[in-house]
Amino acid sequence: MVIEIIRYNIPAGQESAFESAYEQAQQYLAESPNCLGYQLAHCVEEPNRYILRIDWDSIEGHMQGFRNSSYFPKFFQLVSPYIKSVDEMQHYKQTPIVLKK
């Protein structure tokens, strides 16, 4: 598994539209066999900041499987207005340091 982290800095007043776009786009992540899960978090202290975490089966599953699938164009159409608001888009591997309750 690989974790994709996308940090957004959404312009003031566009937060609702941004969340609505992801609310619609999430169906294409959910339908992808390469996507294992996702979570969109909204910063409390800085309301223009969001973090999207997507768990992929592998980097290849994300970069080739999802991006070459029929799901990606539909997903991208919904979220593309916010690409300029991305501060970070990286893949991470889980370390053994984790708390599971």
C-alpha atoms as a PDB file:
ATOM      1  CA  MET A   1       0.000   0.000   0.000  1.00  0.00           C
ATOM      2  CA  VAL A   2       1.056   3.578  -0.685  1.00  0.00           C
ATOM      3  CA  ILE A   3      -0.469   6.738   0.777  1.00  0.00           C
ATOM      4  CA  GLU A   4      -0.997   9.777  -1.413  1.00  0.00           C
ATOM      5  CA  ILE A   5      -1.146  13.068   0.464  1.00  0.00           C
ATOM      6  CA  ILE A   6      -2.500  16.166  -1.247  1.00  0.00           C
ATOM      7  CA  ARG A   7      -2.391  19.439   0.684  1.00  0.00           C
ATOM      8  CA  TYR A   8      -4.673  22.175  -0.606  1.00  0.00           C
ATOM      9  CA  ASN A   9      -4.743  25.905   0.108  1.00  0.00           C
ATOM     10  CA  ILE A  10      -8.234  26.829  -1.130  1.00  0.00           C
ATOM     11  CA  PRO A  11      -8.998  30.515  -1.763  1.00  0.00           C
ATOM     12  CA  ALA A  12     -11.395  32.084   0.744  1.00  0.00           C
ATOM     13  CA  GLY A  13     -15.011  31.635  -0.225  1.00  0.00           C
ATOM     14  CA  GLN A  14     -14.389  28.525  -2.338  1.00  0.00           C
ATOM     15  CA  GLU A  15     -14.355  25.995   0.517  1.00  0.00           C
ATOM     16  CA  SER A  16     -17.965  24.898   0.004  1.00  0.00           C
ATOM     17  CA  ALA A  17     -17.515  24.446  -3.751  1.00  0.00           C
ATOM     18  CA  PHE A  18     -14.279  22.510  -3.137  1.00  0.00           C
ATOM     19  CA  GLU A  19     -15.976  20.135  -0.718  1.00  0.00           C
ATOM     20  CA  SER A  20     -18.890  19.722  -3.102  1.00  0.00           C
ATOM     21  CA  ALA A  21     -16.494  18.829  -5.934  1.00  0.00           C
ATOM     22  CA  TYR A  22     -14.892  16.106  -3.811  1.00  0.00           C
ATOM     23  CA  GLU A  23     -18.255  14.897  -2.597  1.00  0.00           C
ATOM     24  CA  GLN A  24     -19.107  14.213  -6.251  1.00  0.00           C
ATOM     25  CA  ALA A  25     -15.629  13.000  -7.250  1.00  0.00           C
ATOM     26  CA  GLN A  26     -15.337  10.468  -4.427  1.00  0.00           C
ATOM     27  CA  GLN A  27     -17.527   7.977  -6.313  1.00  0.00           C
ATOM     28  CA  TYR A  28     -14.770   7.544  -8.912  1.00  0.00           C
ATOM     29  CA  LEU A  29     -12.192   6.837  -6.219  1.00  0.00           C
ATOM     30  CA  ALA A  30     -14.584   4.387  -4.560  1.00  0.00           C
ATOM     31  CA  GLU A  31     -15.198   2.545  -7.844  1.00  0.00           C
ATOM     32  CA  SER A  32     -11.492   2.194  -8.626  1.00  0.00           C
ATOM     33  CA  PRO A  33     -10.112  -1.220  -7.622  1.00  0.00           C
ATOM     34  CA  ASN A  34      -6.750   0.502  -6.989  1.00  0.00           C
ATOM     35  CA  CYS A  35      -8.138   2.867  -4.344  1.00  0.00           C
ATOM     36  CA  LEU A  36      -8.271   1.285  -0.886  1.00  0.00           C
ATOM     37  CA  GLY A  37      -9.723   4.291   0.933  1.00  0.00           C
ATOM     38  CA  TYR A  38      -9.645   8.060   1.247  1.00  0.00           C
ATOM     39  CA  GLN A  39     -10.278  10.878   3.701  1.00  0.00           C
ATOM     40  CA  LEU A  40     -10.617  14.635   3.253  1.00  0.00           C
ATOM     41  CA  ALA A  41      -9.734  16.679   6.356  1.00  0.00           C
ATOM     42  CA  HIS A  42     -10.415  20.394   6.869  1.00  0.00           C
ATOM     43  CA  CYS A  43      -8.037  22.474   9.010  1.00  0.00           C
ATOM     44  CA  VAL A  44      -9.626  24.058  12.075  1.00  0.00           C
ATOM     45  CA  GLU A  45      -7.032  26.799  12.612  1.00  0.00           C
ATOM     46  CA  GLU A  46      -6.700  27.754   8.932  1.00  0.00           C
ATOM     47  CA  PRO A  47     -10.048  27.111   7.209  1.00  0.00           C
ATOM     48  CA  ASN A  48      -8.570  27.457   3.717  1.00  0.00           C
ATOM     49  CA  ARG A  49      -6.367  24.381   4.238  1.00  0.00           C
ATOM     50  CA  TYR A  50      -7.342  20.779   3.474  1.00  0.00           C
ATOM     51  CA  ILE A  51      -5.522  17.469   3.403  1.00  0.00           C
ATOM     52  CA  LEU A  52      -6.685  14.624   1.199  1.00  0.00           C
ATOM     53  CA  ARG A  53      -5.323  11.177   2.037  1.00  0.00           C
ATOM     54  CA  ILE A  54      -5.817   8.430  -0.535  1.00  0.00           C
ATOM     55  CA  ASP A  55      -4.664   4.864   0.114  1.00  0.00           C
ATOM     56  CA  TRP A  56      -3.638   3.134  -3.116  1.00  0.00           C
ATOM     57  CA  ASP A  57      -2.709  -0.491  -3.664  1.00  0.00           C
ATOM     58  CA  SER A  58       0.604   0.738  -5.180  1.00  0.00           C
ATOM     59  CA  ILE A  59       2.124   3.710  -6.983  1.00  0.00           C
ATOM     60  CA  GLU A  60       1.581   1.854 -10.250  1.00  0.00           C
ATOM     61  CA  GLY A  61      -2.038   1.236  -9.280  1.00  0.00           C
ATOM     62  CA  HIS A  62      -2.475   4.966  -8.862  1.00  0.00           C
ATOM     63  CA  MET A  63      -0.343   6.335 -11.680  1.00  0.00           C
ATOM     64  CA  GLN A  64      -1.200   3.751 -14.328  1.00  0.00           C
ATOM     65  CA  GLY A  65      -4.234   1.831 -13.090  1.00  0.00           C
ATOM     66  CA  PHE A  66      -6.398   4.733 -11.932  1.00  0.00           C
ATOM     67  CA  ARG A  67      -5.047   7.418 -14.252  1.00  0.00           C
ATOM     68  CA  ASN A  68      -5.529   5.211 -17.339  1.00  0.00           C
ATOM     69  CA  SER A  69      -8.996   4.067 -16.253  1.00  0.00           C
ATOM     70  CA  SER A  70     -12.375   5.396 -17.302  1.00  0.00           C
ATOM     71  CA  TYR A  71     -12.776   6.789 -13.753  1.00  0.00           C
ATOM     72  CA  PHE A  72      -9.939   9.311 -13.953  1.00  0.00           C
ATOM     73  CA  PRO A  73     -11.323  11.746 -16.587  1.00  0.00           C
ATOM     74  CA  LYS A  74     -14.585  12.066 -14.653  1.00  0.00           C
ATOM     75  CA  PHE A  75     -12.731  12.496 -11.349  1.00  0.00           C
ATOM     76  CA  PHE A  76     -10.276  15.011 -12.812  1.00  0.00           C
ATOM     77  CA  GLN A  77     -13.023  17.091 -14.420  1.00  0.00           C
ATOM     78  CA  LEU A  78     -14.549  17.678 -10.992  1.00  0.00           C
ATOM     79  CA  VAL A  79     -11.335  18.482  -9.075  1.00  0.00           C
ATOM     80  CA  SER A  80      -9.285  20.212 -11.793  1.00  0.00           C
ATOM     81  CA  PRO A  81     -10.437  23.740 -10.804  1.00  0.00           C
ATOM     82  CA  TYR A  82      -8.450  23.237  -7.580  1.00  0.00           C
ATOM     83  CA  ILE A  83      -5.160  21.964  -9.039  1.00  0.00           C
ATOM     84  CA  LYS A  84      -3.604  25.434  -8.726  1.00  0.00           C
ATOM     85  CA  SER A  85      -4.419  25.288  -4.996  1.00  0.00           C
ATOM     86  CA  VAL A  86      -2.239  22.200  -4.395  1.00  0.00           C
ATOM     87  CA  ASP A  87       0.697  22.834  -2.030  1.00  0.00           C
ATOM     88  CA  GLU A  88       1.868  19.201  -2.015  1.00  0.00           C
ATOM     89  CA  MET A  89       1.050  15.998  -3.867  1.00  0.00           C
ATOM     90  CA  GLN A  90       3.302  13.116  -2.808  1.00  0.00           C
ATOM     91  CA  HIS A  91       3.281   9.366  -2.184  1.00  0.00           C
ATOM     92  CA  TYR A  92       4.295   7.990   1.220  1.00  0.00           C
ATOM     93  CA  LYS A  93       4.947   4.538   2.652  1.00  0.00           C
ATOM     94  CA  GLN A  94       3.582   3.625   6.088  1.00  0.00           C
ATOM     95  CA  THR A  95       6.200   3.125   8.791  1.00  0.00           C
ATOM     96  CA  PRO A  96       5.813   0.614  11.627  1.00  0.00           C
ATOM     97  CA  ILE A  97       5.192   3.551  13.986  1.00  0.00           C
ATOM     98  CA  VAL A  98       1.432   3.592  14.333  1.00  0.00           C
ATOM     99  CA  LEU A  99      -1.179   3.509  17.072  1.00  0.00           C
ATOM    100  CA  LYS A 100      -4.183   1.281  16.467  1.00  0.00           C
ATOM    101  CA  LYS A 101      -6.925   1.467  19.088  1.00  0.00           C
END
